[in-house]
Amino acid sequence: MLGVALWLGHRVVDGFPTMVGSPAGWLHAKLFLVALMLAHYIVGGRWLKGVEKGRALPSATALRLFNELPVLLLLGVIWLVLAKPF
């Protein structure tokens, strides 16, 4: 509850920084990339369940690109946390 209260901008102490506002745009971008990583995990799990049911997987090239996607997303998350560009 305390985390949600601070994230939404309810100030307990006057002048206490919150996660919402103009300097926290990087946080929203980071959370979006984390949501994309979660979606990637879910899609991979559905593909595995489909294989158990006899469905075919995508092509080898598509699987290679799918495998590299979370690495790029993670690099983006790390860059956003360290650089805080916006």
N, C-alpha and C. Protein backbone atom coordinates (compact mmCIF):
# COMPACT_ATOMS: atom_id res chain seq x y z
N MET A 1 0.82 -1.19 0.00
CA MET A 1 0.00 0.00 0.00
C MET A 1 0.87 1.26 0.00
N LEU A 2 1.95 1.21 0.78
CA LEU A 2 2.82 2.38 0.84
C LEU A 2 3.47 2.63 -0.51
N GLY A 3 3.89 1.58 -1.18
CA GLY A 3 4.49 1.73 -2.50
C GLY A 3 3.52 2.33 -3.50
N VAL A 4 2.28 1.88 -3.48
CA VAL A 4 1.27 2.41 -4.39
C VAL A 4 1.00 3.88 -4.05
N ALA A 5 0.93 4.19 -2.77
CA ALA A 5 0.67 5.58 -2.37
C ALA A 5 1.79 6.50 -2.84
N LEU A 6 3.03 6.08 -2.71
CA LEU A 6 4.15 6.90 -3.16
C LEU A 6 4.20 7.00 -4.67
N TRP A 7 3.87 5.90 -5.35
CA TRP A 7 3.92 5.91 -6.82
C TRP A 7 2.85 6.82 -7.40
N LEU A 8 1.69 6.85 -6.78
CA LEU A 8 0.60 7.67 -7.29
C LEU A 8 0.76 9.15 -6.96
N GLY A 9 1.71 9.48 -6.14
CA GLY A 9 2.00 10.88 -5.88
C GLY A 9 1.42 11.42 -4.59
N HIS A 10 0.88 10.57 -3.74
CA HIS A 10 0.38 11.05 -2.46
C HIS A 10 1.59 11.33 -1.56
N ARG A 11 1.75 12.53 -1.18
CA ARG A 11 2.93 12.92 -0.42
C ARG A 11 2.67 12.81 1.08
N VAL A 12 3.47 11.98 1.71
CA VAL A 12 3.38 11.83 3.16
C VAL A 12 4.19 12.94 3.82
N VAL A 13 5.34 13.22 3.27
CA VAL A 13 6.21 14.28 3.78
C VAL A 13 6.29 15.36 2.70
N ASP A 14 6.14 16.61 3.10
CA ASP A 14 6.19 17.70 2.13
C ASP A 14 7.54 17.74 1.44
N GLY A 15 7.53 17.78 0.11
CA GLY A 15 8.77 17.83 -0.66
C GLY A 15 9.37 16.46 -0.94
N PHE A 16 8.71 15.38 -0.52
CA PHE A 16 9.22 14.03 -0.75
C PHE A 16 9.03 13.66 -2.22
N PRO A 17 10.07 13.19 -2.89
CA PRO A 17 9.93 12.88 -4.33
C PRO A 17 9.05 11.66 -4.54
N THR A 18 8.25 11.71 -5.58
CA THR A 18 7.39 10.59 -5.93
C THR A 18 7.80 10.06 -7.30
N MET A 19 7.20 8.97 -7.72
CA MET A 19 7.54 8.35 -8.99
C MET A 19 6.69 8.86 -10.14
N VAL A 20 5.79 9.78 -9.89
CA VAL A 20 4.92 10.31 -10.93
C VAL A 20 5.26 11.77 -11.15
N GLY A 21 5.32 12.17 -12.39
CA GLY A 21 5.61 13.56 -12.69
C GLY A 21 6.58 13.65 -13.85
N SER A 22 7.02 14.84 -14.14
CA SER A 22 7.88 15.05 -15.30
C SER A 22 9.23 14.34 -15.21
N PRO A 23 9.89 14.26 -14.05
CA PRO A 23 11.19 13.59 -14.06
C PRO A 23 11.11 12.07 -14.08
N ALA A 24 9.92 11.49 -14.02
CA ALA A 24 9.81 10.03 -13.92
C ALA A 24 9.34 9.38 -15.22
N GLY A 25 9.51 10.04 -16.35
CA GLY A 25 9.10 9.43 -17.62
C GLY A 25 9.89 8.17 -17.92
N TRP A 26 11.14 8.12 -17.49
CA TRP A 26 11.96 6.94 -17.70
C TRP A 26 11.36 5.73 -17.00
N LEU A 27 10.72 5.95 -15.85
CA LEU A 27 10.14 4.83 -15.10
C LEU A 27 8.98 4.21 -15.87
N HIS A 28 8.16 5.04 -16.48
CA HIS A 28 7.04 4.53 -17.25
C HIS A 28 7.54 3.78 -18.49
N ALA A 29 8.58 4.28 -19.11
CA ALA A 29 9.18 3.58 -20.26
C ALA A 29 9.75 2.24 -19.82
N LYS A 30 10.40 2.22 -18.66
CA LYS A 30 10.98 0.97 -18.14
C LYS A 30 9.88 -0.04 -17.85
N LEU A 31 8.81 0.41 -17.22
CA LEU A 31 7.71 -0.50 -16.92
C LEU A 31 7.06 -1.04 -18.19
N PHE A 32 7.01 -0.22 -19.24
CA PHE A 32 6.50 -0.70 -20.52
C PHE A 32 7.40 -1.80 -21.08
N LEU A 33 8.72 -1.62 -21.00
CA LEU A 33 9.63 -2.65 -21.50
C LEU A 33 9.52 -3.93 -20.66
N VAL A 34 9.33 -3.79 -19.37
CA VAL A 34 9.14 -4.97 -18.51
C VAL A 34 7.84 -5.69 -18.88
N ALA A 35 6.79 -4.93 -19.20
CA ALA A 35 5.54 -5.55 -19.64
C ALA A 35 5.73 -6.29 -20.96
N LEU A 36 6.55 -5.74 -21.86
CA LEU A 36 6.85 -6.44 -23.10
C LEU A 36 7.62 -7.73 -22.83
N MET A 37 8.52 -7.71 -21.85
CA MET A 37 9.24 -8.94 -21.50
C MET A 37 8.29 -9.99 -20.93
N LEU A 38 7.31 -9.55 -20.15
CA LEU A 38 6.31 -10.48 -19.62
C LEU A 38 5.48 -11.07 -20.76
N ALA A 39 5.10 -10.23 -21.72
CA ALA A 39 4.35 -10.73 -22.87
C ALA A 39 5.18 -11.74 -23.67
N HIS A 40 6.48 -11.49 -23.80
CA HIS A 40 7.39 -12.41 -24.49
C HIS A 40 7.40 -13.77 -23.79
N TYR A 41 7.45 -13.75 -22.48
CA TYR A 41 7.45 -14.98 -21.68
C TYR A 41 6.14 -15.75 -21.89
N ILE A 42 5.03 -15.05 -21.92
CA ILE A 42 3.73 -15.69 -22.10
C ILE A 42 3.62 -16.30 -23.49
N VAL A 43 4.06 -15.57 -24.51
CA VAL A 43 4.01 -16.10 -25.89
C VAL A 43 4.88 -17.35 -26.01
N GLY A 44 6.07 -17.34 -25.41
CA GLY A 44 6.93 -18.52 -25.45
C GLY A 44 6.28 -19.72 -24.77
N GLY A 45 5.61 -19.47 -23.66
CA GLY A 45 4.91 -20.56 -22.98
C GLY A 45 3.76 -21.12 -23.80
N ARG A 46 3.05 -20.26 -24.51
CA ARG A 46 1.97 -20.73 -25.37
C ARG A 46 2.50 -21.55 -26.53
N TRP A 47 3.66 -21.13 -27.05
CA TRP A 47 4.26 -21.92 -28.13
C TRP A 47 4.62 -23.32 -27.62
N LEU A 48 5.16 -23.41 -26.42
CA LEU A 48 5.52 -24.72 -25.87
C LEU A 48 4.28 -25.58 -25.64
N LYS A 49 3.22 -24.99 -25.15
CA LYS A 49 1.98 -25.76 -24.98
C LYS A 49 1.42 -26.20 -26.33
N GLY A 50 1.60 -25.36 -27.34
CA GLY A 50 1.16 -25.73 -28.68
C GLY A 50 1.95 -26.90 -29.23
N VAL A 51 3.24 -26.95 -28.93
CA VAL A 51 4.07 -28.07 -29.39
C VAL A 51 3.59 -29.37 -28.76
N GLU A 52 3.20 -29.31 -27.48
CA GLU A 52 2.67 -30.50 -26.81
C GLU A 52 1.40 -31.00 -27.48
N LYS A 53 0.64 -30.08 -28.07
CA LYS A 53 -0.62 -30.45 -28.74
C LYS A 53 -0.41 -30.80 -30.21
N GLY A 54 0.84 -30.70 -30.69
CA GLY A 54 1.14 -31.09 -32.05
C GLY A 54 1.23 -29.96 -33.05
N ARG A 55 1.14 -28.72 -32.60
CA ARG A 55 1.28 -27.59 -33.51
C ARG A 55 2.74 -27.35 -33.85
N ALA A 56 2.97 -26.74 -34.99
CA ALA A 56 4.34 -26.47 -35.43
C ALA A 56 4.83 -25.15 -34.84
N LEU A 57 6.14 -25.07 -34.67
CA LEU A 57 6.78 -23.84 -34.23
C LEU A 57 7.04 -22.93 -35.43
N PRO A 58 7.29 -21.64 -35.18
CA PRO A 58 7.68 -20.75 -36.28
C PRO A 58 9.03 -21.19 -36.87
N SER A 59 9.45 -20.51 -37.90
CA SER A 59 10.70 -20.86 -38.57
C SER A 59 11.90 -20.64 -37.64
N ALA A 60 13.03 -21.22 -38.04
CA ALA A 60 14.24 -21.10 -37.24
C ALA A 60 14.68 -19.64 -37.12
N THR A 61 14.55 -18.88 -38.19
CA THR A 61 14.93 -17.47 -38.16
C THR A 61 14.04 -16.70 -37.20
N ALA A 62 12.75 -16.96 -37.22
CA ALA A 62 11.82 -16.29 -36.31
C ALA A 62 12.14 -16.65 -34.86
N LEU A 63 12.49 -17.90 -34.62
CA LEU A 63 12.84 -18.31 -33.25
C LEU A 63 14.13 -17.66 -32.79
N ARG A 64 15.10 -17.48 -33.69
CA ARG A 64 16.35 -16.80 -33.31
C ARG A 64 16.08 -15.35 -32.94
N LEU A 65 15.27 -14.68 -33.75
CA LEU A 65 14.92 -13.29 -33.43
C LEU A 65 14.12 -13.21 -32.13
N PHE A 66 13.21 -14.14 -31.93
CA PHE A 66 12.41 -14.18 -30.70
C PHE A 66 13.31 -14.40 -29.49
N ASN A 67 14.37 -15.17 -29.66
CA ASN A 67 15.30 -15.45 -28.57
C ASN A 67 16.12 -14.22 -28.19
N GLU A 68 16.42 -13.37 -29.14
CA GLU A 68 17.24 -12.18 -28.87
C GLU A 68 16.44 -11.00 -28.34
N LEU A 69 15.14 -11.02 -28.54
CA LEU A 69 14.31 -9.90 -28.13
C LEU A 69 14.42 -9.56 -26.64
N PRO A 70 14.35 -10.52 -25.71
CA PRO A 70 14.45 -10.13 -24.29
C PRO A 70 15.80 -9.53 -23.92
N VAL A 71 16.86 -9.91 -24.62
CA VAL A 71 18.17 -9.32 -24.34
C VAL A 71 18.16 -7.84 -24.69
N LEU A 72 17.58 -7.51 -25.85
CA LEU A 72 17.50 -6.11 -26.25
C LEU A 72 16.60 -5.32 -25.31
N LEU A 73 15.48 -5.92 -24.90
CA LEU A 73 14.61 -5.25 -23.95
C LEU A 73 15.30 -5.02 -22.62
N LEU A 74 16.05 -6.01 -22.16
CA LEU A 74 16.76 -5.86 -20.89
C LEU A 74 17.83 -4.78 -20.98
N LEU A 75 18.53 -4.70 -22.09
CA LEU A 75 19.51 -3.63 -22.27
C LEU A 75 18.83 -2.26 -22.24
N GLY A 76 17.65 -2.19 -22.84
CA GLY A 76 16.88 -0.95 -22.78
C GLY A 76 16.47 -0.59 -21.36
N VAL A 77 16.06 -1.58 -20.59
CA VAL A 77 15.70 -1.34 -19.19
C VAL A 77 16.90 -0.84 -18.40
N ILE A 78 18.04 -1.48 -18.57
CA ILE A 78 19.24 -1.08 -17.84
C ILE A 78 19.65 0.33 -18.23
N TRP A 79 19.58 0.65 -19.53
CA TRP A 79 19.95 1.99 -19.97
C TRP A 79 19.01 3.04 -19.36
N LEU A 80 17.71 2.74 -19.35
CA LEU A 80 16.75 3.69 -18.78
C LEU A 80 16.99 3.92 -17.30
N VAL A 81 17.33 2.86 -16.56
CA VAL A 81 17.57 3.01 -15.13
C VAL A 81 18.84 3.80 -14.86
N LEU A 82 19.88 3.53 -15.61
CA LEU A 82 21.16 4.21 -15.35
C LEU A 82 21.20 5.63 -15.90
N ALA A 83 20.66 5.85 -17.10
CA ALA A 83 20.77 7.16 -17.73
C ALA A 83 19.63 8.11 -17.33
N LYS A 84 18.45 7.55 -17.07
CA LYS A 84 17.26 8.36 -16.77
C LYS A 84 17.16 9.54 -17.75
N PRO A 85 17.01 9.24 -19.05
CA PRO A 85 17.09 10.28 -20.07
C PRO A 85 15.94 11.27 -20.07
N PHE A 86 14.80 10.91 -19.52
CA PHE A 86 13.66 11.82 -19.49
C PHE A 86 12.81 11.55 -18.28
